[in-house]
C-alpha atoms as a PDB file:
ATOM      1  CA  UNK A   1      20.065  28.820  41.584  1.00  0.00           C
ATOM      2  CA  UNK A   2      23.091  27.707  43.030  1.00  0.00           C
ATOM      3  CA  UNK A   3      23.579  28.152  46.782  1.00  0.00           C
ATOM      4  CA  UNK A   4      26.437  30.338  47.078  1.00  0.00           C
ATOM      5  CA  UNK A   5      25.814  32.897  43.977  1.00  0.00           C
ATOM      6  CA  UNK A   6      27.386  35.897  44.104  1.00  0.00           C
ATOM      7  CA  UNK A   7      29.585  34.808  47.339  1.00  0.00           C
ATOM      8  CA  UNK A   8      32.910  35.352  47.997  1.00  0.00           C
ATOM      9  CA  UNK A   9      35.045  32.789  50.145  1.00  0.00           C
ATOM     10  CA  UNK A  10      38.051  32.310  51.404  1.00  0.00           C
ATOM     11  CA  UNK A  11      39.905  28.838  52.262  1.00  0.00           C
ATOM     12  CA  UNK A  12      42.483  28.328  54.608  1.00  0.00           C
ATOM     13  CA  UNK A  13      44.216  24.977  53.852  1.00  0.00           C
ATOM     14  CA  UNK A  14      42.875  24.791  50.409  1.00  0.00           C
ATOM     15  CA  UNK A  15      45.447  22.971  48.856  1.00  0.00           C
ATOM     16  CA  UNK A  16      44.503  19.505  49.481  1.00  0.00           C
ATOM     17  CA  UNK A  17      41.839  17.489  51.301  1.00  0.00           C
ATOM     18  CA  UNK A  18      38.954  18.647  53.297  1.00  0.00           C
ATOM     19  CA  UNK A  19      39.786  22.254  52.318  1.00  0.00           C
ATOM     20  CA  UNK A  20      40.238  21.319  48.423  1.00  0.00           C
ATOM     21  CA  UNK A  21      37.040  19.279  48.305  1.00  0.00           C
ATOM     22  CA  UNK A  22      35.393  22.684  49.623  1.00  0.00           C
ATOM     23  CA  UNK A  23      36.977  24.999  47.132  1.00  0.00           C
ATOM     24  CA  UNK A  24      35.621  22.573  44.432  1.00  0.00           C
ATOM     25  CA  UNK A  25      32.154  22.483  45.440  1.00  0.00           C
ATOM     26  CA  UNK A  26      32.352  26.104  46.947  1.00  0.00           C
ATOM     27  CA  UNK A  27      33.059  27.196  43.049  1.00  0.00           C
ATOM     28  CA  UNK A  28      30.349  24.776  41.751  1.00  0.00           C
ATOM     29  CA  UNK A  29      27.838  26.389  43.588  1.00  0.00           C
ATOM     30  CA  UNK A  30      28.534  29.799  42.348  1.00  0.00           C
ATOM     31  CA  UNK A  31      30.929  31.087  45.076  1.00  0.00           C
ATOM     32  CA  UNK A  32      34.290  33.140  44.393  1.00  0.00           C
ATOM     33  CA  UNK A  33      37.053  31.352  46.398  1.00  0.00           C
ATOM     34  CA  UNK A  34      40.157  32.680  47.902  1.00  0.00           C
ATOM     35  CA  UNK A  35      42.507  29.973  48.230  1.00  0.00           C
ATOM     36  CA  UNK A  36      45.241  30.155  50.998  1.00  0.00           C
ATOM     37  CA  UNK A  37      47.756  26.909  51.867  1.00  0.00           C
ATOM     38  CA  UNK A  38      51.543  26.921  52.501  1.00  0.00           C
ATOM     39  CA  UNK A  39      52.086  24.238  49.984  1.00  0.00           C
ATOM     40  CA  UNK A  40      51.977  26.860  47.130  1.00  0.00           C
ATOM     41  CA  UNK A  41      52.655  24.505  44.056  1.00  0.00           C
ATOM     42  CA  UNK A  42      48.635  22.054  45.198  1.00  0.00           C
ATOM     43  CA  UNK A  43      47.263  25.626  45.842  1.00  0.00           C
ATOM     44  CA  UNK A  44      48.575  27.083  42.853  1.00  0.00           C
ATOM     45  CA  UNK A  45      47.309  23.957  40.772  1.00  0.00           C
ATOM     46  CA  UNK A  46      43.783  23.961  42.184  1.00  0.00           C
ATOM     47  CA  UNK A  47      43.206  27.407  41.452  1.00  0.00           C
ATOM     48  CA  UNK A  48      44.037  27.081  37.992  1.00  0.00           C
ATOM     49  CA  UNK A  49      41.926  24.101  37.629  1.00  0.00           C
ATOM     50  CA  UNK A  50      38.753  25.683  39.007  1.00  0.00           C
ATOM     51  CA  UNK A  51      39.936  28.743  36.664  1.00  0.00           C
ATOM     52  CA  UNK A  52      38.108  32.456  36.492  1.00  0.00           C
ATOM     53  CA  UNK A  53      36.521  32.159  39.859  1.00  0.00           C
ATOM     54  CA  UNK A  54      39.430  31.035  42.045  1.00  0.00           C
ATOM     55  CA  UNK A  55      42.800  33.139  43.069  1.00  0.00           C
ATOM     56  CA  UNK A  56      45.554  31.494  45.098  1.00  0.00           C
ATOM     57  CA  UNK A  57      46.945  33.435  48.266  1.00  0.00           C
ATOM     58  CA  UNK A  58      50.026  31.629  49.869  1.00  0.00           C
ATOM     59  CA  UNK A  59      49.522  31.787  53.320  1.00  0.00           C
ATOM     60  CA  UNK A  60      51.142  30.840  56.598  1.00  0.00           C
ATOM     61  CA  UNK A  61      48.106  31.305  58.896  1.00  0.00           C
ATOM     62  CA  UNK A  62      50.211  31.828  61.767  1.00  0.00           C
ATOM     63  CA  UNK A  63      51.690  35.112  60.655  1.00  0.00           C
ATOM     64  CA  UNK A  64      49.555  38.155  61.149  1.00  0.00           C
ATOM     65  CA  UNK A  65      51.007  40.459  58.297  1.00  0.00           C
ATOM     66  CA  UNK A  66      50.027  37.280  55.898  1.00  0.00           C
ATOM     67  CA  UNK A  67      46.641  36.669  57.596  1.00  0.00           C
ATOM     68  CA  UNK A  68      45.574  40.201  57.197  1.00  0.00           C
ATOM     69  CA  UNK A  69      47.185  40.309  53.541  1.00  0.00           C
ATOM     70  CA  UNK A  70      45.138  37.312  52.571  1.00  0.00           C
ATOM     71  CA  UNK A  71      41.923  39.244  53.270  1.00  0.00           C
ATOM     72  CA  UNK A  72      43.157  42.664  52.119  1.00  0.00           C
ATOM     73  CA  UNK A  73      44.138  40.618  48.776  1.00  0.00           C
ATOM     74  CA  UNK A  74      40.886  38.938  48.828  1.00  0.00           C
ATOM     75  CA  UNK A  75      38.652  42.137  48.810  1.00  0.00           C
ATOM     76  CA  UNK A  76      41.200  43.716  46.016  1.00  0.00           C
ATOM     77  CA  UNK A  77      40.360  41.015  43.716  1.00  0.00           C
ATOM     78  CA  UNK A  78      36.589  39.926  44.528  1.00  0.00           C
ATOM     79  CA  UNK A  79      34.912  43.142  46.222  1.00  0.00           C
ATOM     80  CA  UNK A  80      33.916  41.859  49.422  1.00  0.00           C
ATOM     81  CA  UNK A  81      34.323  38.466  52.044  1.00  0.00           C
ATOM     82  CA  UNK A  82      30.660  36.835  52.478  1.00  0.00           C
ATOM     83  CA  UNK A  83      32.575  33.235  54.125  1.00  0.00           C
ATOM     84  CA  UNK A  84      35.241  32.195  55.466  1.00  0.00           C
ATOM     85  CA  UNK A  85      36.355  28.287  55.594  1.00  0.00           C
ATOM     86  CA  UNK A  86      39.391  28.339  58.721  1.00  0.00           C
ATOM     87  CA  UNK A  87      40.371  25.241  57.818  1.00  0.00           C
ATOM     88  CA  UNK A  88      44.255  25.008  58.022  1.00  0.00           C
ATOM     89  CA  UNK A  89      45.582  22.525  60.627  1.00  0.00           C
ATOM     90  CA  UNK A  90      48.320  20.352  61.805  1.00  0.00           C
ATOM     91  CA  UNK A  91      48.440  17.236  63.564  1.00  0.00           C
ATOM     92  CA  UNK A  92      51.590  17.186  65.385  1.00  0.00           C
ATOM     93  CA  UNK A  93      53.346  13.750  66.402  1.00  0.00           C
ATOM     94  CA  UNK A  94      51.479  11.016  68.204  1.00  0.00           C
ATOM     95  CA  UNK A  95      53.058  10.432  71.609  1.00  0.00           C
ATOM     96  CA  UNK A  96      52.236  10.729  75.293  1.00  0.00           C
ATOM     97  CA  UNK A  97      52.764  13.603  77.180  1.00  0.00           C
ATOM     98  CA  UNK A  98      55.787  13.032  79.166  1.00  0.00           C
ATOM     99  CA  UNK A  99      56.869  12.632  75.481  1.00  0.00           C
ATOM    100  CA  UNK A 100      56.132  15.399  73.372  1.00  0.00           C
ATOM    101  CA  UNK A 101      58.103  17.690  72.256  1.00  0.00           C
ATOM    102  CA  UNK A 102      57.807  21.237  73.500  1.00  0.00           C
ATOM    103  CA  UNK A 103      58.550  22.599  69.927  1.00  0.00           C
ATOM    104  CA  UNK A 104      55.898  20.747  68.256  1.00  0.00           C
ATOM    105  CA  UNK A 105      53.326  21.088  70.630  1.00  0.00           C
ATOM    106  CA  UNK A 106      54.047  25.134  70.045  1.00  0.00           C
ATOM    107  CA  UNK A 107      53.626  24.454  66.495  1.00  0.00           C
ATOM    108  CA  UNK A 108      50.420  23.127  66.575  1.00  0.00           C
ATOM    109  CA  UNK A 109      49.030  25.719  68.948  1.00  0.00           C
ATOM    110  CA  UNK A 110      50.074  28.010  66.336  1.00  0.00           C
ATOM    111  CA  UNK A 111      48.680  26.890  63.377  1.00  0.00           C
ATOM    112  CA  UNK A 112      45.514  25.251  65.000  1.00  0.00           C
ATOM    113  CA  UNK A 113      44.421  27.767  67.600  1.00  0.00           C
ATOM    114  CA  UNK A 114      46.627  30.952  66.674  1.00  0.00           C
ATOM    115  CA  UNK A 115      45.881  30.940  62.902  1.00  0.00           C
ATOM    116  CA  UNK A 116      41.786  30.434  63.496  1.00  0.00           C
ATOM    117  CA  UNK A 117      42.240  33.180  65.802  1.00  0.00           C
ATOM    118  CA  UNK A 118      43.789  35.586  63.165  1.00  0.00           C
ATOM    119  CA  UNK A 119      41.634  34.497  60.583  1.00  0.00           C
ATOM    120  CA  UNK A 120      38.660  35.435  62.952  1.00  0.00           C
ATOM    121  CA  UNK A 121      40.444  38.984  63.971  1.00  0.00           C
ATOM    122  CA  UNK A 122      40.593  39.954  60.091  1.00  0.00           C
ATOM    123  CA  UNK A 123      37.564  38.512  58.725  1.00  0.00           C
ATOM    124  CA  UNK A 124      35.011  39.806  61.354  1.00  0.00           C
ATOM    125  CA  UNK A 125      36.735  43.170  60.547  1.00  0.00           C
ATOM    126  CA  UNK A 126      35.419  42.345  56.662  1.00  0.00           C
ATOM    127  CA  UNK A 127      32.406  40.993  57.586  1.00  0.00           C
ATOM    128  CA  UNK A 128      31.365  44.185  59.804  1.00  0.00           C
ATOM    129  CA  UNK A 129      29.057  45.701  57.771  1.00  0.00           C
ATOM    130  CA  UNK A 130      27.234  43.148  55.823  1.00  0.00           C
ATOM    131  CA  UNK A 131      27.385  40.024  57.774  1.00  0.00           C
ATOM    132  CA  UNK A 132      28.546  36.435  56.830  1.00  0.00           C
ATOM    133  CA  UNK A 133      29.130  32.777  57.630  1.00  0.00           C
ATOM    134  CA  UNK A 134      33.102  31.174  59.322  1.00  0.00           C
ATOM    135  CA  UNK A 135      33.097  27.876  59.371  1.00  0.00           C
ATOM    136  CA  UNK A 136      36.001  26.360  61.559  1.00  0.00           C
ATOM    137  CA  UNK A 137      37.303  22.875  61.023  1.00  0.00           C
ATOM    138  CA  UNK A 138      37.702  21.417  64.812  1.00  0.00           C
ATOM    139  CA  UNK A 139      37.762  17.401  65.261  1.00  0.00           C
ATOM    140  CA  UNK A 140      36.497  14.737  67.109  1.00  0.00           C
ATOM    141  CA  UNK A 141      39.139  15.576  69.490  1.00  0.00           C
ATOM    142  CA  UNK A 142      37.477  18.851  70.126  1.00  0.00           C
ATOM    143  CA  UNK A 143      34.992  17.457  72.461  1.00  0.00           C
ATOM    144  CA  UNK A 144      36.683  14.479  73.484  1.00  0.00           C
ATOM    145  CA  UNK A 145      40.242  13.035  73.687  1.00  0.00           C
ATOM    146  CA  UNK A 146      42.568  10.846  71.297  1.00  0.00           C
ATOM    147  CA  UNK A 147      45.171   9.077  72.961  1.00  0.00           C
ATOM    148  CA  UNK A 148      48.728  10.435  72.423  1.00  0.00           C
ATOM    149  CA  UNK A 149      47.143  13.213  70.345  1.00  0.00           C
ATOM    150  CA  UNK A 150      47.333  16.442  73.568  1.00  0.00           C
ATOM    151  CA  UNK A 151      48.400  19.105  71.716  1.00  0.00           C
ATOM    152  CA  UNK A 152      45.969  18.213  68.373  1.00  0.00           C
ATOM    153  CA  UNK A 153      43.188  17.727  71.068  1.00  0.00           C
ATOM    154  CA  UNK A 154      43.989  20.745  73.099  1.00  0.00           C
ATOM    155  CA  UNK A 155      43.853  22.586  69.701  1.00  0.00           C
ATOM    156  CA  UNK A 156      40.523  21.971  68.721  1.00  0.00           C
ATOM    157  CA  UNK A 157      38.692  21.991  72.398  1.00  0.00           C
ATOM    158  CA  UNK A 158      40.308  25.663  72.075  1.00  0.00           C
ATOM    159  CA  UNK A 159      39.118  26.665  68.504  1.00  0.00           C
ATOM    160  CA  UNK A 160      35.489  25.404  69.771  1.00  0.00           C
ATOM    161  CA  UNK A 161      35.908  27.870  72.517  1.00  0.00           C
ATOM    162  CA  UNK A 162      36.941  30.578  70.059  1.00  0.00           C
ATOM    163  CA  UNK A 163      34.141  29.535  67.992  1.00  0.00           C
ATOM    164  CA  UNK A 164      31.640  30.280  70.875  1.00  0.00           C
ATOM    165  CA  UNK A 165      33.176  33.476  71.875  1.00  0.00           C
ATOM    166  CA  UNK A 166      32.965  34.720  68.066  1.00  0.00           C
ATOM    167  CA  UNK A 167      29.667  33.675  67.648  1.00  0.00           C
ATOM    168  CA  UNK A 168      28.594  35.818  70.328  1.00  0.00           C
ATOM    169  CA  UNK A 169      30.728  38.907  69.510  1.00  0.00           C
ATOM    170  CA  UNK A 170      29.543  38.252  65.808  1.00  0.00           C
ATOM    171  CA  UNK A 171      25.826  38.435  66.094  1.00  0.00           C
ATOM    172  CA  UNK A 172      25.048  41.986  65.947  1.00  0.00           C
ATOM    173  CA  UNK A 173      26.447  42.408  62.740  1.00  0.00           C
ATOM    174  CA  UNK A 174      25.203  39.001  61.296  1.00  0.00           C
ATOM    175  CA  UNK A 175      28.182  37.289  61.083  1.00  0.00           C
ATOM    176  CA  UNK A 176      27.673  33.186  61.555  1.00  0.00           C
ATOM    177  CA  UNK A 177      30.333  31.271  63.451  1.00  0.00           C
ATOM    178  CA  UNK A 178      30.283  27.444  63.436  1.00  0.00           C
ATOM    179  CA  UNK A 179      32.266  24.845  63.826  1.00  0.00           C
ATOM    180  CA  UNK A 180      32.627  21.258  61.814  1.00  0.00           C
ATOM    181  CA  UNK A 181      34.076  18.160  63.953  1.00  0.00           C
ATOM    182  CA  UNK A 182      35.291  15.813  61.375  1.00  0.00           C
ATOM    183  CA  UNK A 183      36.984  12.145  61.752  1.00  0.00           C
ATOM    184  CA  UNK A 184      37.877   9.825  60.446  1.00  0.00           C
ATOM    185  CA  UNK A 185      38.123  11.252  56.828  1.00  0.00           C
ATOM    186  CA  UNK A 186      40.297  10.073  54.185  1.00  0.00           C
ATOM    187  CA  UNK A 187      42.891  12.831  54.048  1.00  0.00           C
ATOM    188  CA  UNK A 188      46.593  13.003  54.036  1.00  0.00           C
ATOM    189  CA  UNK A 189      45.873  14.026  57.377  1.00  0.00           C
ATOM    190  CA  UNK A 190      44.931  10.665  58.508  1.00  0.00           C
ATOM    191  CA  UNK A 191      47.039   9.292  56.164  1.00  0.00           C
ATOM    192  CA  UNK A 192      50.179  10.723  58.009  1.00  0.00           C
ATOM    193  CA  UNK A 193      48.455   9.785  61.656  1.00  0.00           C
ATOM    194  CA  UNK A 194      48.070   5.942  60.320  1.00  0.00           C
ATOM    195  CA  UNK A 195      51.680   5.743  59.297  1.00  0.00           C
ATOM    196  CA  UNK A 196      52.606   7.140  62.570  1.00  0.00           C
ATOM    197  CA  UNK A 197      51.298   4.422  64.410  1.00  0.00           C
ATOM    198  CA  UNK A 198      52.917   1.628  61.834  1.00  0.00           C
ATOM    199  CA  UNK A 199      48.785   1.161  59.978  1.00  0.00           C
ATOM    200  CA  UNK A 200      48.554   1.428  56.368  1.00  0.00           C
ATOM    201  CA  UNK A 201      45.838   3.856  56.268  1.00  0.00           C
ATOM    202  CA  UNK A 202      43.433   1.968  54.567  1.00  0.00           C
ATOM    203  CA  UNK A 203      39.790   1.413  55.603  1.00  0.00           C
ATOM    204  CA  UNK A 204      40.788  -2.394  56.891  1.00  0.00           C
ATOM    205  CA  UNK A 205      42.457  -0.458  59.433  1.00  0.00           C
ATOM    206  CA  UNK A 206      41.917   0.231  63.006  1.00  0.00           C
ATOM    207  CA  UNK A 207      40.739   3.873  62.736  1.00  0.00           C
ATOM    208  CA  UNK A 208      38.565   3.050  60.586  1.00  0.00           C
ATOM    209  CA  UNK A 209      36.823   0.152  61.687  1.00  0.00           C
ATOM    210  CA  UNK A 210      36.103   1.621  65.341  1.00  0.00           C
ATOM    211  CA  UNK A 211      33.759   4.260  63.969  1.00  0.00           C
ATOM    212  CA  UNK A 212      30.306   2.757  64.031  1.00  0.00           C
ATOM    213  CA  UNK A 213      29.954   3.249  60.012  1.00  0.00           C
ATOM    214  CA  UNK A 214      33.456   1.058  59.848  1.00  0.00           C
ATOM    215  CA  UNK A 215      34.785   3.196  57.253  1.00  0.00           C
ATOM    216  CA  UNK A 216      36.797   6.758  56.775  1.00  0.00           C
ATOM    217  CA  UNK A 217      34.269   9.459  55.563  1.00  0.00           C
ATOM    218  CA  UNK A 218      35.480  11.578  52.418  1.00  0.00           C
ATOM    219  CA  UNK A 219      36.617  15.134  52.280  1.00  0.00           C
ATOM    220  CA  UNK A 220      33.644  15.640  50.322  1.00  0.00           C
ATOM    221  CA  UNK A 221      31.048  14.555  52.440  1.00  0.00           C
ATOM    222  CA  UNK A 222      32.541  17.200  55.147  1.00  0.00           C
ATOM    223  CA  UNK A 223      32.424  20.187  52.301  1.00  0.00           C
ATOM    224  CA  UNK A 224      28.907  19.074  52.092  1.00  0.00           C
ATOM    225  CA  UNK A 225      28.600  20.093  55.951  1.00  0.00           C
ATOM    226  CA  UNK A 226      30.274  23.271  55.340  1.00  0.00           C
ATOM    227  CA  UNK A 227      28.509  24.572  52.381  1.00  0.00           C
ATOM    228  CA  UNK A 228      25.009  24.243  54.082  1.00  0.00           C
ATOM    229  CA  UNK A 229      26.584  26.398  57.227  1.00  0.00           C
ATOM    230  CA  UNK A 230      28.471  28.692  54.596  1.00  0.00           C
ATOM    231  CA  UNK A 231      24.615  29.109  52.821  1.00  0.00           C
ATOM    232  CA  UNK A 232      21.913  30.861  53.310  1.00  0.00           C
ATOM    233  CA  UNK A 233      20.387  27.904  54.324  1.00  0.00           C
ATOM    234  CA  UNK A 234      22.009  27.410  58.084  1.00  0.00           C
ATOM    235  CA  UNK A 235      20.800  31.275  58.447  1.00  0.00           C
ATOM    236  CA  UNK A 236      20.004  30.736  61.908  1.00  0.00           C
ATOM    237  CA  UNK A 237      22.705  28.483  62.933  1.00  0.00           C
ATOM    238  CA  UNK A 238      25.384  30.230  65.455  1.00  0.00           C
ATOM    239  CA  UNK A 239      27.275  29.106  68.012  1.00  0.00           C
ATOM    240  CA  UNK A 240      27.262  25.196  66.601  1.00  0.00           C
ATOM    241  CA  UNK A 241      29.254  22.524  67.070  1.00  0.00           C
ATOM    242  CA  UNK A 242      28.221  20.424  64.087  1.00  0.00           C
ATOM    243  CA  UNK A 243      29.935  16.483  63.954  1.00  0.00           C
ATOM    244  CA  UNK A 244      30.854  14.785  60.613  1.00  0.00           C
ATOM    245  CA  UNK A 245      32.674  11.628  62.345  1.00  0.00           C
ATOM    246  CA  UNK A 246      30.466   8.198  61.193  1.00  0.00           C
ATOM    247  CA  UNK A 247      29.130   8.183  64.688  1.00  0.00           C
ATOM    248  CA  UNK A 248      32.555   8.211  66.781  1.00  0.00           C
ATOM    249  CA  UNK A 249      31.326  10.724  68.870  1.00  0.00           C
ATOM    250  CA  UNK A 250      28.453   8.423  69.982  1.00  0.00           C
ATOM    251  CA  UNK A 251      30.973   5.824  70.888  1.00  0.00           C
ATOM    252  CA  UNK A 252      32.805   3.480  69.495  1.00  0.00           C
ATOM    253  CA  UNK A 253      31.675  -0.422  68.631  1.00  0.00           C
END
């Protein structure tokens, strides 16, 4: 039997990177997946690739009406919500706090924190009667600072606090909530960060070589940890911060 047979999952930030890898993996493990992102074209293409067990709902996670509609459409389409990957996020700009644009700070917090909070608000309501598993994408920046990424770092610390609050509130209803904390993963976000630093975004660059394992992680490696936390294999796991970071949180070489 596949790990997610009969389960229904919502995945935000699903159009590419970790979200897309998780969508493919979850569907392969038997789940029906509702895919959400602001990037409409790749989102629809991914849903078509996965087939009948996938649907797409273009969604701005900062918009309360849109997030409620995402959950409502998932229930209308598939009958329930068992799993949510609250994965949508942006990196913002790379600059010191003294040069950081206030409007960019607000945008990062809106997507990375408000978006997670709204997801929790409506997904937890949908899970109240039968329980479920919520996995939030944080970062190694959620447990330590990353130079010149103040808004991103603040946002990823914040979602760990949201996760812990939700884990306590959701426990009586058998709703489990955890974070995965990746870095650095070979995704468009890492490529963008490397470009802002004037680097080429390959495994011979400092962000990769600085990890104890000496390379970028792959999106599927994060997705597999998400699968574990979403599945019944993790039935006693809630309120946890799970690293998938090539050893970065242990230290730099």
